[in-house]
Amino acid sequence: MPRALESLSPADGERVAAENLVAALTAGRIVYDDGAEQVFDADGVTTYVERGHPTRGEWYVDSHGRFASFWPPSYRASYDLRWLVEDGSIVGLRFTHTEGGSEFSGRYA
C-alpha cells in the first residue's frame, strides 16, 4: 500500500470519496491491466505511457466529485473511482467511465 494511503481503510470496490481523489491518484505510478502506465502529478498534469510512447494530459476533480481528464486537443472524460483492496491493503484503483460504463483497473507499482 502506498504510504500516502496508509491512514485509509476502505473496502474493496468502495467509491473513492472526493476528498481522497487527489491522494489516491498521486500516491504512485499506476500500471494498468494492459501494461500501460500512468503518473498523476499534484499540479494536475498526467503522463500516460503505452508501449513506450508517452502522452501528456491534464486531470482534475470535477464539480460532481469525480476524477476527470483532458487530453489535447479536445478529449474530455470523467470517471468514478473505486478502491482495489486485497488482504486489507489498497493495491490500486478501478476506473468506470461515467458515459458508457467501460471499466479498467490499475495497480500501484
N, C-alpha and C. Protein backbone atom coordinates (compact mmCIF):
# COMPACT_ATOMS: atom_id res chain seq x y z
N MET A 1 0.85 -1.18 0.00
CA MET A 1 0.00 0.00 0.00
C MET A 1 0.90 1.24 0.00
N PRO A 2 0.60 2.18 -0.86
CA PRO A 2 1.38 3.42 -0.86
C PRO A 2 1.27 4.13 0.50
N ARG A 3 2.39 4.68 0.95
CA ARG A 3 2.44 5.34 2.26
C ARG A 3 1.37 6.43 2.41
N ALA A 4 1.11 7.18 1.34
CA ALA A 4 0.14 8.28 1.41
C ALA A 4 -1.28 7.79 1.71
N LEU A 5 -1.53 6.49 1.56
CA LEU A 5 -2.88 5.96 1.77
C LEU A 5 -3.01 5.12 3.03
N GLU A 6 -1.96 5.03 3.82
CA GLU A 6 -1.96 4.14 4.99
C GLU A 6 -3.03 4.48 6.02
N SER A 7 -3.47 5.73 6.08
CA SER A 7 -4.48 6.10 7.07
C SER A 7 -5.89 5.72 6.64
N LEU A 8 -6.04 5.26 5.41
CA LEU A 8 -7.36 4.89 4.88
C LEU A 8 -7.57 3.38 5.00
N SER A 9 -8.81 2.97 5.19
CA SER A 9 -9.10 1.53 5.25
C SER A 9 -10.43 1.22 4.55
N PRO A 10 -10.50 1.50 3.25
CA PRO A 10 -11.74 1.24 2.52
C PRO A 10 -11.92 -0.25 2.23
N ALA A 11 -13.14 -0.60 1.90
CA ALA A 11 -13.44 -1.96 1.45
C ALA A 11 -13.16 -2.03 -0.05
N ASP A 12 -12.91 -3.23 -0.53
CA ASP A 12 -12.72 -3.43 -1.97
C ASP A 12 -13.98 -3.00 -2.70
N GLY A 13 -13.81 -2.19 -3.73
CA GLY A 13 -14.94 -1.73 -4.52
C GLY A 13 -15.63 -0.49 -3.98
N GLU A 14 -15.21 -0.01 -2.82
CA GLU A 14 -15.81 1.20 -2.26
C GLU A 14 -15.41 2.41 -3.10
N ARG A 15 -16.36 3.32 -3.32
CA ARG A 15 -16.10 4.52 -4.11
C ARG A 15 -15.07 5.39 -3.40
N VAL A 16 -14.13 5.94 -4.15
CA VAL A 16 -13.15 6.86 -3.60
C VAL A 16 -13.87 8.18 -3.37
N ALA A 17 -13.91 8.62 -2.13
CA ALA A 17 -14.58 9.88 -1.80
C ALA A 17 -13.83 11.05 -2.45
N ALA A 18 -14.56 12.09 -2.80
CA ALA A 18 -13.96 13.25 -3.47
C ALA A 18 -12.77 13.79 -2.70
N GLU A 19 -12.84 13.80 -1.38
CA GLU A 19 -11.74 14.34 -0.59
C GLU A 19 -10.49 13.46 -0.62
N ASN A 20 -10.62 12.23 -1.11
CA ASN A 20 -9.47 11.33 -1.21
C ASN A 20 -8.96 11.13 -2.63
N LEU A 21 -9.60 11.76 -3.61
CA LEU A 21 -9.20 11.55 -5.01
C LEU A 21 -7.77 11.99 -5.29
N VAL A 22 -7.37 13.14 -4.79
CA VAL A 22 -6.01 13.61 -5.05
C VAL A 22 -5.00 12.63 -4.47
N ALA A 23 -5.20 12.23 -3.22
CA ALA A 23 -4.28 11.27 -2.59
C ALA A 23 -4.25 9.95 -3.35
N ALA A 24 -5.42 9.47 -3.77
CA ALA A 24 -5.49 8.19 -4.49
C ALA A 24 -4.74 8.24 -5.81
N LEU A 25 -4.90 9.33 -6.54
CA LEU A 25 -4.28 9.43 -7.86
C LEU A 25 -2.79 9.74 -7.80
N THR A 26 -2.36 10.49 -6.81
CA THR A 26 -0.95 10.89 -6.74
C THR A 26 -0.11 9.98 -5.85
N ALA A 27 -0.70 8.90 -5.34
CA ALA A 27 0.01 8.01 -4.41
C ALA A 27 1.16 7.25 -5.05
N GLY A 28 1.16 7.12 -6.36
CA GLY A 28 2.23 6.40 -7.03
C GLY A 28 1.88 6.10 -8.47
N ARG A 29 2.86 5.58 -9.17
CA ARG A 29 2.66 5.19 -10.58
C ARG A 29 1.64 4.06 -10.63
N ILE A 30 0.73 4.14 -11.61
CA ILE A 30 -0.31 3.12 -11.78
C ILE A 30 -0.01 2.32 -13.03
N VAL A 31 -0.05 1.01 -12.90
CA VAL A 31 0.15 0.10 -14.03
C VAL A 31 -1.19 -0.58 -14.31
N TYR A 32 -1.68 -0.41 -15.53
CA TYR A 32 -2.98 -0.95 -15.92
C TYR A 32 -2.85 -2.40 -16.39
N ASP A 33 -4.01 -3.05 -16.48
CA ASP A 33 -4.06 -4.47 -16.87
C ASP A 33 -3.39 -4.72 -18.21
N ASP A 34 -3.43 -3.74 -19.12
CA ASP A 34 -2.84 -3.93 -20.44
C ASP A 34 -1.35 -3.56 -20.50
N GLY A 35 -0.76 -3.21 -19.35
CA GLY A 35 0.66 -2.89 -19.29
C GLY A 35 0.98 -1.41 -19.43
N ALA A 36 0.00 -0.60 -19.81
CA ALA A 36 0.23 0.85 -19.88
C ALA A 36 0.44 1.38 -18.46
N GLU A 37 1.11 2.51 -18.35
CA GLU A 37 1.39 3.12 -17.06
C GLU A 37 0.96 4.57 -17.06
N GLN A 38 0.64 5.09 -15.87
CA GLN A 38 0.24 6.48 -15.77
C GLN A 38 0.69 7.06 -14.44
N VAL A 39 1.13 8.31 -14.50
CA VAL A 39 1.52 9.06 -13.31
C VAL A 39 0.66 10.31 -13.27
N PHE A 40 0.12 10.60 -12.10
CA PHE A 40 -0.68 11.79 -11.87
C PHE A 40 0.11 12.70 -10.94
N ASP A 41 0.47 13.88 -11.40
CA ASP A 41 1.18 14.84 -10.58
C ASP A 41 0.18 15.72 -9.83
N ALA A 42 0.59 16.20 -8.66
CA ALA A 42 -0.29 17.03 -7.84
C ALA A 42 -0.68 18.33 -8.52
N ASP A 43 0.09 18.76 -9.51
CA ASP A 43 -0.22 20.02 -10.20
C ASP A 43 -1.25 19.86 -11.31
N GLY A 44 -1.81 18.65 -11.46
CA GLY A 44 -2.85 18.43 -12.46
C GLY A 44 -2.36 17.94 -13.80
N VAL A 45 -1.08 17.62 -13.90
CA VAL A 45 -0.53 17.06 -15.14
C VAL A 45 -0.49 15.54 -14.99
N THR A 46 -0.79 14.84 -16.07
CA THR A 46 -0.69 13.38 -16.06
C THR A 46 0.07 12.92 -17.30
N THR A 47 0.84 11.86 -17.12
CA THR A 47 1.57 11.27 -18.23
C THR A 47 1.17 9.80 -18.33
N TYR A 48 0.68 9.44 -19.50
CA TYR A 48 0.24 8.07 -19.80
C TYR A 48 1.25 7.49 -20.78
N VAL A 49 1.78 6.31 -20.47
CA VAL A 49 2.79 5.69 -21.34
C VAL A 49 2.26 4.34 -21.80
N GLU A 50 2.12 4.22 -23.12
CA GLU A 50 1.66 2.97 -23.72
C GLU A 50 2.70 2.52 -24.75
N ARG A 51 3.23 1.31 -24.55
CA ARG A 51 4.27 0.76 -25.43
C ARG A 51 5.42 1.73 -25.65
N GLY A 52 5.84 2.39 -24.57
CA GLY A 52 6.97 3.29 -24.63
C GLY A 52 6.69 4.67 -25.16
N HIS A 53 5.44 4.96 -25.51
CA HIS A 53 5.08 6.26 -26.08
C HIS A 53 4.30 7.09 -25.04
N PRO A 54 4.90 8.16 -24.53
CA PRO A 54 4.21 8.99 -23.53
C PRO A 54 3.25 9.99 -24.16
N THR A 55 2.16 10.23 -23.46
CA THR A 55 1.17 11.24 -23.83
C THR A 55 0.89 12.05 -22.57
N ARG A 56 0.90 13.38 -22.70
CA ARG A 56 0.63 14.23 -21.55
C ARG A 56 -0.78 14.80 -21.64
N GLY A 57 -1.42 14.83 -20.49
CA GLY A 57 -2.75 15.39 -20.39
C GLY A 57 -2.91 16.13 -19.07
N GLU A 58 -4.13 16.44 -18.75
CA GLU A 58 -4.45 17.13 -17.51
C GLU A 58 -5.52 16.33 -16.76
N TRP A 59 -5.53 16.46 -15.45
CA TRP A 59 -6.56 15.82 -14.66
C TRP A 59 -7.04 16.78 -13.58
N TYR A 60 -8.25 16.53 -13.08
CA TYR A 60 -8.83 17.38 -12.04
C TYR A 60 -10.01 16.65 -11.41
N VAL A 61 -10.48 17.19 -10.31
CA VAL A 61 -11.70 16.69 -9.68
C VAL A 61 -12.82 17.60 -10.16
N ASP A 62 -13.84 17.02 -10.82
CA ASP A 62 -14.90 17.86 -11.40
C ASP A 62 -15.92 18.28 -10.34
N SER A 63 -16.89 19.05 -10.76
CA SER A 63 -17.89 19.60 -9.84
C SER A 63 -18.79 18.54 -9.21
N HIS A 64 -18.76 17.31 -9.74
CA HIS A 64 -19.54 16.20 -9.19
C HIS A 64 -18.70 15.32 -8.28
N GLY A 65 -17.45 15.74 -8.00
CA GLY A 65 -16.58 14.96 -7.13
C GLY A 65 -16.02 13.72 -7.81
N ARG A 66 -15.88 13.78 -9.13
CA ARG A 66 -15.33 12.66 -9.90
C ARG A 66 -13.98 13.04 -10.48
N PHE A 67 -13.20 12.03 -10.77
CA PHE A 67 -11.94 12.22 -11.48
C PHE A 67 -12.27 12.54 -12.93
N ALA A 68 -11.65 13.57 -13.48
CA ALA A 68 -11.85 13.94 -14.88
C ALA A 68 -10.50 14.18 -15.53
N SER A 69 -10.44 13.92 -16.83
CA SER A 69 -9.18 14.13 -17.55
C SER A 69 -9.44 14.86 -18.86
N PHE A 70 -8.40 15.53 -19.32
CA PHE A 70 -8.43 16.26 -20.58
C PHE A 70 -7.18 15.89 -21.35
N TRP A 71 -7.37 15.45 -22.58
CA TRP A 71 -6.27 15.09 -23.47
C TRP A 71 -6.37 15.96 -24.71
N PRO A 72 -5.42 16.85 -24.89
CA PRO A 72 -5.47 17.76 -26.05
C PRO A 72 -5.52 16.99 -27.36
N PRO A 73 -6.23 17.51 -28.33
CA PRO A 73 -6.77 18.87 -28.32
C PRO A 73 -8.16 18.99 -27.73
N SER A 74 -8.95 17.89 -27.63
CA SER A 74 -10.34 18.12 -27.23
C SER A 74 -10.99 16.98 -26.44
N TYR A 75 -10.28 15.90 -26.12
CA TYR A 75 -10.92 14.76 -25.45
C TYR A 75 -11.05 15.00 -23.95
N ARG A 76 -12.27 14.93 -23.45
CA ARG A 76 -12.54 15.04 -22.02
C ARG A 76 -13.34 13.81 -21.59
N ALA A 77 -13.05 13.34 -20.39
CA ALA A 77 -13.77 12.19 -19.86
C ALA A 77 -13.81 12.30 -18.34
N SER A 78 -14.82 11.71 -17.73
CA SER A 78 -14.87 11.64 -16.27
C SER A 78 -15.13 10.20 -15.86
N TYR A 79 -14.66 9.88 -14.66
CA TYR A 79 -14.70 8.51 -14.17
C TYR A 79 -15.08 8.48 -12.71
N ASP A 80 -15.79 7.42 -12.33
CA ASP A 80 -15.97 7.09 -10.93
C ASP A 80 -14.79 6.20 -10.57
N LEU A 81 -14.17 6.47 -9.43
CA LEU A 81 -13.04 5.66 -8.97
C LEU A 81 -13.46 4.83 -7.77
N ARG A 82 -13.04 3.58 -7.79
CA ARG A 82 -13.28 2.67 -6.67
C ARG A 82 -11.96 2.06 -6.25
N TRP A 83 -11.85 1.78 -4.98
CA TRP A 83 -10.62 1.20 -4.44
C TRP A 83 -10.49 -0.27 -4.86
N LEU A 84 -9.28 -0.67 -5.14
CA LEU A 84 -8.92 -2.06 -5.36
C LEU A 84 -8.15 -2.48 -4.10
N VAL A 85 -8.76 -3.34 -3.29
CA VAL A 85 -8.20 -3.71 -2.00
C VAL A 85 -8.03 -5.22 -1.94
N GLU A 86 -6.85 -5.66 -1.50
CA GLU A 86 -6.57 -7.09 -1.32
C GLU A 86 -5.95 -7.29 0.06
N ASP A 87 -6.46 -8.26 0.80
CA ASP A 87 -5.97 -8.57 2.14
C ASP A 87 -5.87 -7.33 3.02
N GLY A 88 -6.85 -6.43 2.89
CA GLY A 88 -6.90 -5.24 3.72
C GLY A 88 -6.00 -4.09 3.29
N SER A 89 -5.27 -4.26 2.19
CA SER A 89 -4.37 -3.22 1.71
C SER A 89 -4.86 -2.66 0.37
N ILE A 90 -4.75 -1.35 0.23
CA ILE A 90 -5.09 -0.71 -1.04
C ILE A 90 -3.98 -1.02 -2.03
N VAL A 91 -4.35 -1.66 -3.14
CA VAL A 91 -3.35 -2.04 -4.15
C VAL A 91 -3.55 -1.31 -5.48
N GLY A 92 -4.69 -0.62 -5.63
CA GLY A 92 -4.92 0.07 -6.89
C GLY A 92 -6.29 0.71 -6.95
N LEU A 93 -6.68 1.03 -8.17
CA LEU A 93 -7.93 1.74 -8.43
C LEU A 93 -8.67 1.11 -9.59
N ARG A 94 -10.01 1.17 -9.52
CA ARG A 94 -10.86 0.80 -10.64
C ARG A 94 -11.48 2.08 -11.18
N PHE A 95 -11.42 2.25 -12.47
CA PHE A 95 -11.96 3.43 -13.14
C PHE A 95 -13.18 3.00 -13.95
N THR A 96 -14.31 3.68 -13.75
CA THR A 96 -15.50 3.41 -14.54
C THR A 96 -15.89 4.70 -15.25
N HIS A 97 -15.89 4.65 -16.57
CA HIS A 97 -16.24 5.82 -17.38
C HIS A 97 -17.69 6.17 -17.09
N THR A 98 -17.94 7.45 -16.80
CA THR A 98 -19.30 7.85 -16.42
C THR A 98 -20.27 7.84 -17.59
N GLU A 99 -19.76 7.85 -18.82
CA GLU A 99 -20.62 7.74 -20.00
C GLU A 99 -20.23 6.46 -20.74
N GLY A 100 -21.06 5.49 -20.67
CA GLY A 100 -20.78 4.24 -21.35
C GLY A 100 -20.41 3.10 -20.43
N GLY A 101 -19.89 3.42 -19.24
CA GLY A 101 -19.65 2.41 -18.24
C GLY A 101 -18.45 1.51 -18.44
N SER A 102 -17.59 1.78 -19.44
CA SER A 102 -16.42 0.92 -19.59
C SER A 102 -15.57 1.02 -18.32
N GLU A 103 -14.92 -0.09 -17.98
CA GLU A 103 -14.17 -0.16 -16.74
C GLU A 103 -12.78 -0.72 -16.98
N PHE A 104 -11.81 -0.20 -16.23
CA PHE A 104 -10.46 -0.75 -16.26
C PHE A 104 -9.84 -0.55 -14.89
N SER A 105 -8.83 -1.35 -14.60
CA SER A 105 -8.17 -1.31 -13.30
C SER A 105 -6.69 -1.04 -13.45
N GLY A 106 -6.13 -0.45 -12.41
CA GLY A 106 -4.69 -0.23 -12.38
C GLY A 106 -4.18 -0.48 -10.96
N ARG A 107 -2.94 -0.94 -10.89
CA ARG A 107 -2.31 -1.22 -9.60
C ARG A 107 -1.15 -0.29 -9.37
N TYR A 108 -0.97 0.08 -8.12
CA TYR A 108 0.19 0.91 -7.78
C TYR A 108 1.46 0.08 -7.98
N ALA A 109 2.43 0.70 -8.63
CA ALA A 109 3.70 -0.01 -8.88
C ALA A 109 4.60 0.10 -7.67
